[in-house]
Each structure stands twice: as structure tokens, then as C-alpha cells.
């Protein structure tokens, strides 16, 4: 049995893992936050702020921002994306009349596609067989397209991060 047997397919990360970008140096945090939120909004995600904590330490500001995002793609498929941004030893600097941040920056991304989220097919043996056949022969191409779409959405977020690290 292949991926049609799985209820959740991880595109970025999976389980306790995630896609990770670590950077020490300059970055534009306000632009990163604004653009990531705009992308998720434009893509139709419901964004829930799971965590937003700031503290000032002698070494600089520490910040943690975590978003849990969901969107229904169809009656059968739902996308889930989690974004976590962590900064340590953050300080503001001005370079060429541009306000940037300096310190340690970490971006974590995990995204997955949940199938049969409304339990169209029951969890008993006949339901599992029906779901398997439905996914393998009826909507296989559509599910592949959804996987590609979720991958592209993740690449958009990663691109924003990379463009704003200096």
C-alpha cells in the first residue's frame, strides 16, 4: 500500500521535524513577517497566532512567533502549514538608511496535506478499502496536483525568508 493509505502526507517536515533555515547576521524581520503573512492570507489560509513572545535580555531581544495555518482545499483535502520564527540576540542596526536586525534568526516550516478530514470514508475495513481505491484510481492525479501546490506554497515562503537574509 502506498501513500493513498496515509491520511496525512507531509510535504515539509513531518512528525517532530520541519524545514529549517538558520542564519546569523543581518535580516529584515518586519518585512519577513509582513510578506509571509500576506502570502498565507492571499493563499486563503486561516492563520492562528499560536505564540508571540518577546523578551529583552542583556545580549539582545529574543522573539518567538508561531502561526498555525489551515485551509480547506476541497471537501476531501485540507492543507496545514506551521511557521515558527525565532530570533536570539537581536539588535537593530541602520545600514544605508535602512533599519535591519542583527542576531541569530531561525525559520521553521512544516506543511502537510490531510485527506478524508471530514471522514467521508469510515475507519472500518470496508471504508479503508473504499478510500484506498478512491485515492488510487479516481482522484490520484488531483491529489498529486495538491501535493505540488502545497510544495509551491512552501517554496514561496522560503523565498521570502532567503530574500531578506543578508
Protein backbone atom coordinates (compact mmCIF):
# COMPACT_ATOMS: atom_id res chain seq x y z
CA UNK A 1 0.00 0.00 0.00
CA UNK A 2 1.32 3.41 -0.98
CA UNK A 3 0.64 6.96 0.02
CA UNK A 4 -3.09 6.52 -0.57
CA UNK A 5 -3.13 4.57 2.69
CA UNK A 6 -1.91 7.55 4.67
CA UNK A 7 -4.38 10.10 5.99
CA UNK A 8 -1.72 12.82 6.21
CA UNK A 9 1.08 13.45 3.75
CA UNK A 10 3.94 15.64 4.98
CA UNK A 11 5.39 17.96 2.37
CA UNK A 12 7.78 19.97 4.56
CA UNK A 13 8.84 18.36 7.79
CA UNK A 14 6.77 15.65 9.31
CA UNK A 15 6.11 14.41 12.79
CA UNK A 16 8.52 16.30 15.01
CA UNK A 17 10.69 17.57 12.14
CA UNK A 18 10.48 20.68 9.97
CA UNK A 19 12.24 22.53 7.16
CA UNK A 20 14.87 24.75 8.80
CA UNK A 21 16.73 27.90 7.81
CA UNK A 22 19.29 29.21 10.32
CA UNK A 23 21.11 32.49 9.88
CA UNK A 24 23.46 34.60 11.94
CA UNK A 25 23.85 38.15 10.71
CA UNK A 26 21.55 40.77 9.24
CA UNK A 27 17.89 40.26 8.38
CA UNK A 28 14.76 42.34 7.83
CA UNK A 29 12.30 40.93 10.36
CA UNK A 30 9.36 43.33 9.80
CA UNK A 31 9.47 42.64 6.05
CA UNK A 32 9.70 38.87 6.61
CA UNK A 33 6.69 38.87 8.93
CA UNK A 34 4.63 41.14 6.68
CA UNK A 35 5.36 39.23 3.47
CA UNK A 36 4.88 35.77 4.99
CA UNK A 37 1.55 36.80 6.48
CA UNK A 38 0.46 38.36 3.17
CA UNK A 39 1.35 35.19 1.26
CA UNK A 40 -0.58 32.98 3.68
CA UNK A 41 -3.53 35.40 3.58
CA UNK A 42 -3.52 35.56 -0.23
CA UNK A 43 -3.39 31.77 -0.42
CA UNK A 44 -6.59 31.59 1.66
CA UNK A 45 -5.22 30.25 4.93
CA UNK A 46 -6.91 30.80 8.27
CA UNK A 47 -3.98 31.99 10.39
CA UNK A 48 -3.95 31.38 14.13
CA UNK A 49 -1.27 33.04 16.24
CA UNK A 50 -0.20 30.17 18.44
CA UNK A 51 2.68 32.01 20.10
CA UNK A 52 4.07 35.52 20.15
CA UNK A 53 6.55 36.14 22.91
CA UNK A 54 9.24 38.75 23.29
CA UNK A 55 11.81 39.27 25.99
CA UNK A 56 14.75 41.59 26.37
CA UNK A 57 17.96 40.04 27.64
CA UNK A 58 21.34 41.69 28.20
CA UNK A 59 22.52 40.05 24.96
CA UNK A 60 19.55 41.48 22.97
CA UNK A 61 15.93 40.86 22.20
CA UNK A 62 14.54 37.32 21.93
CA UNK A 63 11.42 36.75 19.89
CA UNK A 64 9.28 33.72 19.09
CA UNK A 65 6.40 33.84 16.64
CA UNK A 66 4.40 30.74 15.73
CA UNK A 67 1.50 30.51 13.30
CA UNK A 68 -0.75 27.53 12.74
CA UNK A 69 -2.48 27.85 9.39
CA UNK A 70 -5.22 25.78 7.78
CA UNK A 71 -7.20 25.90 4.59
CA UNK A 72 -9.79 23.64 3.08
CA UNK A 73 -8.79 22.84 -0.48
CA UNK A 74 -11.76 20.58 -1.23
CA UNK A 75 -14.35 18.57 0.62
CA UNK A 76 -11.72 15.86 0.90
CA UNK A 77 -8.39 17.66 1.35
CA UNK A 78 -7.14 20.22 3.88
CA UNK A 79 -3.72 21.90 3.99
CA UNK A 80 -1.97 22.61 7.28
CA UNK A 81 1.08 24.83 7.49
CA UNK A 82 3.03 25.80 10.59
CA UNK A 83 5.54 28.64 10.62
CA UNK A 84 7.84 29.38 13.54
CA UNK A 85 10.30 32.26 13.64
CA UNK A 86 12.82 32.58 16.45
CA UNK A 87 15.35 35.35 16.95
CA UNK A 88 18.09 35.47 19.57
CA UNK A 89 20.47 38.27 20.48
CA UNK A 90 18.53 40.59 18.19
CA UNK A 91 19.51 44.21 17.92
CA UNK A 92 18.52 46.94 15.50
CA UNK A 93 21.11 48.40 13.14
CA UNK A 94 20.92 51.05 10.45
CA UNK A 95 22.73 50.38 7.19
CA UNK A 96 22.41 52.80 4.25
CA UNK A 97 19.34 54.44 5.82
CA UNK A 98 17.71 51.02 6.13
CA UNK A 99 16.69 49.65 9.52
CA UNK A 100 17.64 45.99 9.82
CA UNK A 101 18.03 43.49 12.61
CA UNK A 102 21.21 41.73 13.58
CA UNK A 103 21.43 38.48 15.51
CA UNK A 104 20.54 34.81 15.20
CA UNK A 105 17.49 34.03 13.09
CA UNK A 106 15.70 30.70 12.72
CA UNK A 107 12.79 29.85 10.41
CA UNK A 108 10.91 26.55 10.74
CA UNK A 109 8.30 25.35 8.27
CA UNK A 110 6.16 22.26 8.31
CA UNK A 111 3.26 21.61 5.99
CA UNK A 112 1.02 18.67 5.37
CA UNK A 113 -2.00 17.60 3.41
CA UNK A 114 -4.77 15.86 5.32
CA UNK A 115 -7.09 13.66 3.30
CA UNK A 116 -10.54 12.42 4.28
CA UNK A 117 -10.65 15.07 7.03
CA UNK A 118 -14.46 15.07 7.08
CA UNK A 119 -14.42 11.27 7.43
CA UNK A 120 -16.22 10.67 4.13
CA UNK A 121 -14.89 7.14 4.36
CA UNK A 122 -15.26 5.34 7.68
CA UNK A 123 -12.30 3.90 9.58
CA UNK A 124 -13.56 0.30 9.33
CA UNK A 125 -12.09 -2.17 6.82
CA UNK A 126 -14.64 -1.59 4.01
CA UNK A 127 -14.20 2.18 4.42
CA UNK A 128 -10.41 1.89 4.26
CA UNK A 129 -10.63 -0.20 1.09
CA UNK A 130 -13.05 2.28 -0.50
CA UNK A 131 -10.79 5.20 0.42
CA UNK A 132 -7.74 3.40 -0.96
CA UNK A 133 -9.47 2.70 -4.28
CA UNK A 134 -10.89 6.25 -4.46
CA UNK A 135 -7.46 7.80 -3.94
CA UNK A 136 -5.55 5.40 -6.17
CA UNK A 137 -7.87 5.34 -9.18
CA UNK A 138 -10.35 8.20 -9.05
CA UNK A 139 -8.56 11.25 -7.65
CA UNK A 140 -4.89 10.22 -7.84
CA UNK A 141 -3.97 12.95 -10.32
CA UNK A 142 -5.79 15.61 -8.31
CA UNK A 143 -4.00 14.55 -5.11
CA UNK A 144 -0.65 14.78 -6.91
CA UNK A 145 -1.60 18.30 -8.05
CA UNK A 146 -2.47 19.22 -4.44
CA UNK A 147 0.92 17.94 -3.26
CA UNK A 148 2.66 20.06 -5.90
CA UNK A 149 0.57 23.09 -4.92
CA UNK A 150 1.47 22.73 -1.24
CA UNK A 151 5.13 22.35 -2.18
CA UNK A 152 4.95 25.57 -4.25
CA UNK A 153 3.33 27.41 -1.34
CA UNK A 154 6.20 26.36 0.91
CA UNK A 155 8.74 27.48 -1.69
CA UNK A 156 7.11 30.94 -1.75
CA UNK A 157 7.61 31.31 2.00
CA UNK A 158 11.18 30.04 1.82
CA UNK A 159 11.94 32.50 -1.00
CA UNK A 160 10.73 35.43 1.15
CA UNK A 161 12.98 34.33 4.01
CA UNK A 162 16.06 33.92 1.82
CA UNK A 163 15.49 37.29 0.11
CA UNK A 164 15.51 39.06 3.48
CA UNK A 165 18.65 37.50 4.97
CA UNK A 166 21.83 39.49 4.43
